[in-house]
PDB file of N, CA and C in Angstrom:
ATOM      1  N   UNK A   1      -8.152 -12.613  10.405  1.00  0.00           N
ATOM      2  CA  UNK A   1      -8.285 -12.494   8.942  1.00  0.00           C
ATOM      3  C   UNK A   1      -9.208 -13.550   8.168  1.00  0.00           C
ATOM      4  N   UNK A   2      -9.183 -14.794   8.274  1.00  0.00           N
ATOM      5  CA  UNK A   2      -9.586 -15.849   8.258  1.00  0.00           C
ATOM      6  C   UNK A   2     -11.183 -15.279   8.201  1.00  0.00           C
ATOM      7  N   UNK A   3     -11.924 -14.974   8.959  1.00  0.00           N
ATOM      8  CA  UNK A   3     -12.833 -14.509   9.361  1.00  0.00           C
ATOM      9  C   UNK A   3     -13.536 -13.515   8.045  1.00  0.00           C
ATOM     10  N   UNK A   4     -12.591 -12.431   7.964  1.00  0.00           N
ATOM     11  CA  UNK A   4     -12.739 -11.514   7.008  1.00  0.00           C
ATOM     12  C   UNK A   4     -12.628 -11.838   5.535  1.00  0.00           C
ATOM     13  N   UNK A   5     -11.638 -12.710   5.429  1.00  0.00           N
ATOM     14  CA  UNK A   5     -11.584 -13.390   4.027  1.00  0.00           C
ATOM     15  C   UNK A   5     -12.947 -14.393   3.393  1.00  0.00           C
ATOM     16  N   UNK A   6     -13.601 -14.553   4.838  1.00  0.00           N
ATOM     17  CA  UNK A   6     -14.744 -16.017   4.585  1.00  0.00           C
ATOM     18  C   UNK A   6     -15.823 -14.845   4.032  1.00  0.00           C
ATOM     19  N   UNK A   7     -15.866 -14.120   5.380  1.00  0.00           N
ATOM     20  CA  UNK A   7     -16.824 -12.714   4.831  1.00  0.00           C
ATOM     21  C   UNK A   7     -16.798 -12.329   3.275  1.00  0.00           C
ATOM     22  N   UNK A   8     -15.656 -11.958   2.792  1.00  0.00           N
ATOM     23  CA  UNK A   8     -15.386 -11.539   1.524  1.00  0.00           C
ATOM     24  C   UNK A   8     -16.089 -12.456   0.347  1.00  0.00           C
ATOM     25  N   UNK A   9     -15.671 -13.698   0.829  1.00  0.00           N
ATOM     26  CA  UNK A   9     -16.060 -14.595  -0.323  1.00  0.00           C
ATOM     27  C   UNK A   9     -17.365 -14.994  -0.134  1.00  0.00           C
ATOM     28  N   UNK A  10     -18.355 -15.074   0.868  1.00  0.00           N
ATOM     29  CA  UNK A  10     -19.801 -14.868   0.948  1.00  0.00           C
ATOM     30  C   UNK A  10     -20.403 -14.035   0.220  1.00  0.00           C
ATOM     31  N   UNK A  11     -20.025 -13.072   0.429  1.00  0.00           N
ATOM     32  CA  UNK A  11     -20.454 -11.669  -0.478  1.00  0.00           C
ATOM     33  C   UNK A  11     -20.068 -11.720  -1.707  1.00  0.00           C
ATOM     34  N   UNK A  12     -18.798 -12.167  -2.535  1.00  0.00           N
ATOM     35  CA  UNK A  12     -18.494 -12.361  -3.591  1.00  0.00           C
ATOM     36  C   UNK A  12     -19.578 -13.480  -4.131  1.00  0.00           C
ATOM     37  N   UNK A  13     -19.799 -14.188  -3.331  1.00  0.00           N
ATOM     38  CA  UNK A  13     -20.923 -15.489  -4.166  1.00  0.00           C
ATOM     39  C   UNK A  13     -22.531 -14.996  -4.068  1.00  0.00           C
ATOM     40  N   UNK A  14     -22.719 -14.065  -3.284  1.00  0.00           N
ATOM     41  CA  UNK A  14     -23.965 -13.451  -3.447  1.00  0.00           C
ATOM     42  C   UNK A  14     -24.378 -12.125  -4.517  1.00  0.00           C
ATOM     43  N   UNK A  15     -23.038 -11.533  -4.646  1.00  0.00           N
ATOM     44  CA  UNK A  15     -23.066 -10.960  -6.067  1.00  0.00           C
ATOM     45  C   UNK A  15     -23.153 -11.803  -7.055  1.00  0.00           C
ATOM     46  N   UNK A  16     -22.294 -12.639  -7.429  1.00  0.00           N
ATOM     47  CA  UNK A  16     -22.400 -13.626  -8.503  1.00  0.00           C
ATOM     48  C   UNK A  16     -24.058 -14.130  -8.604  1.00  0.00           C
ATOM     49  N   UNK A  17     -24.399 -14.754  -7.452  1.00  0.00           N
ATOM     50  CA  UNK A  17     -26.154 -14.999  -7.750  1.00  0.00           C
ATOM     51  C   UNK A  17     -26.947 -14.399  -8.084  1.00  0.00           C
ATOM     52  N   UNK A  18     -27.083 -12.931  -7.689  1.00  0.00           N
ATOM     53  CA  UNK A  18     -27.712 -11.824  -8.245  1.00  0.00           C
ATOM     54  C   UNK A  18     -27.054 -11.166  -9.663  1.00  0.00           C
ATOM     55  N   UNK A  19     -26.268 -11.571 -10.321  1.00  0.00           N
ATOM     56  CA  UNK A  19     -25.761 -11.479 -11.557  1.00  0.00           C
ATOM     57  C   UNK A  19     -25.131 -10.229 -11.537  1.00  0.00           C
ATOM     58  N   UNK A  20     -23.971 -10.086 -10.580  1.00  0.00           N
ATOM     59  CA  UNK A  20     -23.654  -8.588 -10.736  1.00  0.00           C
ATOM     60  C   UNK A  20     -21.814  -8.807 -10.612  1.00  0.00           C
ATOM     61  N   UNK A  21     -21.450  -8.116 -11.484  1.00  0.00           N
ATOM     62  CA  UNK A  21     -20.131  -8.360 -11.796  1.00  0.00           C
ATOM     63  C   UNK A  21     -19.318  -8.692 -10.949  1.00  0.00           C
ATOM     64  N   UNK A  22     -18.799  -9.338 -10.456  1.00  0.00           N
ATOM     65  CA  UNK A  22     -17.534  -9.536  -9.278  1.00  0.00           C
ATOM     66  C   UNK A  22     -16.074  -9.806  -9.495  1.00  0.00           C
ATOM     67  N   UNK A  23     -15.495  -9.012 -10.923  1.00  0.00           N
ATOM     68  CA  UNK A  23     -14.511  -8.869 -11.329  1.00  0.00           C
ATOM     69  C   UNK A  23     -13.299  -8.390 -10.149  1.00  0.00           C
ATOM     70  N   UNK A  24     -13.796  -7.382  -9.633  1.00  0.00           N
ATOM     71  CA  UNK A  24     -13.053  -5.818  -9.086  1.00  0.00           C
ATOM     72  C   UNK A  24     -12.864  -6.619  -7.673  1.00  0.00           C
ATOM     73  N   UNK A  25     -14.109  -7.452  -6.905  1.00  0.00           N
ATOM     74  CA  UNK A  25     -14.391  -7.785  -5.845  1.00  0.00           C
ATOM     75  C   UNK A  25     -13.391  -9.197  -5.411  1.00  0.00           C
ATOM     76  N   UNK A  26     -13.150  -9.859  -6.732  1.00  0.00           N
ATOM     77  CA  UNK A  26     -12.297 -11.201  -6.399  1.00  0.00           C
ATOM     78  C   UNK A  26     -10.940 -10.676  -6.682  1.00  0.00           C
ATOM     79  N   UNK A  27     -10.771  -9.848  -7.268  1.00  0.00           N
ATOM     80  CA  UNK A  27      -9.442  -9.484  -7.853  1.00  0.00           C
ATOM     81  C   UNK A  27      -8.821  -8.622  -6.298  1.00  0.00           C
ATOM     82  N   UNK A  28      -9.723  -8.035  -5.540  1.00  0.00           N
ATOM     83  CA  UNK A  28      -9.463  -7.518  -3.917  1.00  0.00           C
ATOM     84  C   UNK A  28      -8.785  -8.659  -3.178  1.00  0.00           C
ATOM     85  N   UNK A  29     -10.121  -9.409  -3.467  1.00  0.00           N
ATOM     86  CA  UNK A  29     -10.138 -11.062  -2.213  1.00  0.00           C
ATOM     87  C   UNK A  29      -8.517 -11.569  -2.889  1.00  0.00           C
ATOM     88  N   UNK A  30      -7.855 -11.926  -4.364  1.00  0.00           N
ATOM     89  CA  UNK A  30      -6.457 -12.223  -4.337  1.00  0.00           C
ATOM     90  C   UNK A  30      -5.668 -11.730  -3.739  1.00  0.00           C
ATOM     91  N   UNK A  31      -6.059 -10.125  -3.867  1.00  0.00           N
ATOM     92  CA  UNK A  31      -4.927  -9.438  -3.217  1.00  0.00           C
ATOM     93  C   UNK A  31      -4.817  -9.614  -1.814  1.00  0.00           C
ATOM     94  N   UNK A  32      -5.859  -9.485  -1.469  1.00  0.00           N
ATOM     95  CA  UNK A  32      -5.751 -10.163   0.420  1.00  0.00           C
ATOM     96  C   UNK A  32      -5.251 -11.207   0.353  1.00  0.00           C
ATOM     97  N   UNK A  33      -5.740 -12.047  -0.515  1.00  0.00           N
ATOM     98  CA  UNK A  33      -4.719 -13.270  -0.151  1.00  0.00           C
ATOM     99  C   UNK A  33      -3.511 -13.643  -0.098  1.00  0.00           C
ATOM    100  N   UNK A  34      -3.263 -12.388  -0.914  1.00  0.00           N
ATOM    101  CA  UNK A  34      -1.648 -12.499  -1.115  1.00  0.00           C
ATOM    102  C   UNK A  34      -0.949 -11.960   0.030  1.00  0.00           C
ATOM    103  N   UNK A  35      -1.363 -10.749   0.466  1.00  0.00           N
ATOM    104  CA  UNK A  35      -1.451  -9.700   1.025  1.00  0.00           C
ATOM    105  C   UNK A  35      -0.962 -10.826   2.589  1.00  0.00           C
ATOM    106  N   UNK A  36      -2.107 -11.699   2.850  1.00  0.00           N
ATOM    107  CA  UNK A  36      -2.223 -12.495   3.913  1.00  0.00           C
ATOM    108  C   UNK A  36      -0.617 -13.389   4.082  1.00  0.00           C
ATOM    109  N   UNK A  37      -0.668 -14.061   2.936  1.00  0.00           N
ATOM    110  CA  UNK A  37       0.342 -15.043   2.883  1.00  0.00           C
ATOM    111  C   UNK A  37       1.584 -14.572   3.240  1.00  0.00           C
ATOM    112  N   UNK A  38       1.730 -13.313   2.326  1.00  0.00           N
ATOM    113  CA  UNK A  38       3.314 -12.820   2.976  1.00  0.00           C
ATOM    114  C   UNK A  38       3.307 -12.172   4.177  1.00  0.00           C
ATOM    115  N   UNK A  39       2.274 -11.735   4.891  1.00  0.00           N
ATOM    116  CA  UNK A  39       2.622 -11.564   6.166  1.00  0.00           C
ATOM    117  C   UNK A  39       2.618 -12.799   6.950  1.00  0.00           C
ATOM    118  N   UNK A  40       1.757 -14.315   6.647  1.00  0.00           N
ATOM    119  CA  UNK A  40       2.291 -15.382   7.316  1.00  0.00           C
ATOM    120  C   UNK A  40       3.787 -15.723   7.440  1.00  0.00           C
ATOM    121  N   UNK A  41       4.388 -15.622   5.913  1.00  0.00           N
ATOM    122  CA  UNK A  41       5.674 -15.949   5.618  1.00  0.00           C
ATOM    123  C   UNK A  41       6.791 -14.922   6.631  1.00  0.00           C
ATOM    124  N   UNK A  42       6.630 -13.554   6.458  1.00  0.00           N
ATOM    125  CA  UNK A  42       7.340 -12.972   7.268  1.00  0.00           C
ATOM    126  C   UNK A  42       7.278 -13.128   8.823  1.00  0.00           C
ATOM    127  N   UNK A  43       5.875 -13.604   9.363  1.00  0.00           N
ATOM    128  CA  UNK A  43       6.263 -13.935  10.958  1.00  0.00           C
ATOM    129  C   UNK A  43       6.956 -14.952  11.178  1.00  0.00           C
ATOM    130  N   UNK A  44       6.379 -16.060  10.113  1.00  0.00           N
ATOM    131  CA  UNK A  44       7.484 -17.144  10.120  1.00  0.00           C
ATOM    132  C   UNK A  44       9.236 -17.111  10.216  1.00  0.00           C
ATOM    133  N   UNK A  45       9.353 -16.298   9.240  1.00  0.00           N
ATOM    134  CA  UNK A  45      10.818 -16.099   8.999  1.00  0.00           C
ATOM    135  C   UNK A  45      11.283 -15.408  10.475  1.00  0.00           C
ATOM    136  N   UNK A  46      10.529 -14.753  10.699  1.00  0.00           N
ATOM    137  CA  UNK A  46      10.889 -13.470  12.106  1.00  0.00           C
ATOM    138  C   UNK A  46      10.807 -14.646  13.556  1.00  0.00           C
ATOM    139  N   UNK A  47      10.084 -15.361  13.550  1.00  0.00           N
ATOM    140  CA  UNK A  47      10.183 -16.425  14.404  1.00  0.00           C
ATOM    141  C   UNK A  47      11.547 -17.494  14.380  1.00  0.00           C
ATOM    142  N   UNK A  48      11.826 -17.791  13.012  1.00  0.00           N
ATOM    143  CA  UNK A  48      12.669 -18.651  13.091  1.00  0.00           C
ATOM    144  C   UNK A  48      13.875 -17.893  13.362  1.00  0.00           C
ATOM    145  N   UNK A  49      14.242 -16.579  13.092  1.00  0.00           N
ATOM    146  CA  UNK A  49      15.364 -15.866  13.476  1.00  0.00           C
ATOM    147  C   UNK A  49      15.486 -15.594  14.755  1.00  0.00           C
ATOM    148  N   UNK A  50      14.157 -15.068  14.920  1.00  0.00           N
ATOM    149  CA  UNK A  50      14.160 -14.901  16.637  1.00  0.00           C
ATOM    150  C   UNK A  50      14.412 -15.989  17.846  1.00  0.00           C
ATOM    151  N   UNK A  51      14.061 -17.388  17.007  1.00  0.00           N
ATOM    152  CA  UNK A  51      13.877 -18.380  17.639  1.00  0.00           C
ATOM    153  C   UNK A  51      12.456 -18.613  19.090  1.00  0.00           C
ATOM    154  N   UNK A  52      11.953 -17.873  18.539  1.00  0.00           N
ATOM    155  CA  UNK A  52      10.527 -17.901  19.221  1.00  0.00           C
ATOM    156  C   UNK A  52       9.901 -19.454  19.512  1.00  0.00           C
ATOM    157  N   UNK A  53       8.346 -19.337  20.232  1.00  0.00           N
ATOM    158  CA  UNK A  53       7.994 -20.434  20.091  1.00  0.00           C
ATOM    159  C   UNK A  53       7.447 -20.583  18.770  1.00  0.00           C
ATOM    160  N   UNK A  54       7.402 -21.695  17.735  1.00  0.00           N
ATOM    161  CA  UNK A  54       6.382 -21.910  16.771  1.00  0.00           C
ATOM    162  C   UNK A  54       5.058 -21.901  16.625  1.00  0.00           C
ATOM    163  N   UNK A  55       4.821 -22.846  17.805  1.00  0.00           N
ATOM    164  CA  UNK A  55       3.020 -22.558  18.124  1.00  0.00           C
ATOM    165  C   UNK A  55       3.076 -23.194  19.888  1.00  0.00           C
ATOM    166  N   UNK A  56       1.864 -22.824  20.006  1.00  0.00           N
ATOM    167  CA  UNK A  56       1.583 -23.732  21.689  1.00  0.00           C
ATOM    168  C   UNK A  56       1.442 -22.333  22.429  1.00  0.00           C
ATOM    169  N   UNK A  57       1.410 -21.269  22.147  1.00  0.00           N
ATOM    170  CA  UNK A  57       1.544 -20.185  23.190  1.00  0.00           C
ATOM    171  C   UNK A  57       0.832 -18.809  22.623  1.00  0.00           C
ATOM    172  N   UNK A  58      -0.269 -18.767  23.602  1.00  0.00           N
ATOM    173  CA  UNK A  58      -1.082 -17.617  23.244  1.00  0.00           C
ATOM    174  C   UNK A  58      -0.623 -15.930  23.726  1.00  0.00           C
ATOM    175  N   UNK A  59      -1.275 -15.392  22.963  1.00  0.00           N
ATOM    176  CA  UNK A  59      -0.796 -14.025  23.498  1.00  0.00           C
ATOM    177  C   UNK A  59      -1.501 -13.995  24.667  1.00  0.00           C
ATOM    178  N   UNK A  60      -0.364 -13.602  25.482  1.00  0.00           N
ATOM    179  CA  UNK A  60      -0.538 -12.952  26.934  1.00  0.00           C
ATOM    180  C   UNK A  60      -0.683 -14.659  27.541  1.00  0.00           C
ATOM    181  N   UNK A  61      -0.694 -15.309  27.376  1.00  0.00           N
ATOM    182  CA  UNK A  61      -0.565 -16.171  28.262  1.00  0.00           C
ATOM    183  C   UNK A  61       0.460 -16.955  28.957  1.00  0.00           C
ATOM    184  N   UNK A  62      -0.162 -17.602  30.085  1.00  0.00           N
ATOM    185  CA  UNK A  62       1.454 -18.115  31.029  1.00  0.00           C
ATOM    186  C   UNK A  62       2.610 -18.757  30.408  1.00  0.00           C
ATOM    187  N   UNK A  63       3.455 -18.658  30.821  1.00  0.00           N
ATOM    188  CA  UNK A  63       5.047 -18.703  30.138  1.00  0.00           C
ATOM    189  C   UNK A  63       5.298 -19.957  31.399  1.00  0.00           C
ATOM    190  N   UNK A  64       5.019 -20.790  31.668  1.00  0.00           N
ATOM    191  CA  UNK A  64       5.220 -21.784  32.232  1.00  0.00           C
ATOM    192  C   UNK A  64       5.602 -23.158  31.875  1.00  0.00           C
TER     193      UNK A  64
END
């Protein structure tokens, strides 16, 4: 997700430098960031409820 957000920011900057209106692109980026924050909060809440690991595990990694 962070790669996609960074890509969007760079594209908005290019549009801004070219004097092209970036209002709709900035609005889209704001919505994307809000969605990401909501998903991260939901993930953290679920981890807390389920008692799962908070960090250090990799998807499909070893459990030792």
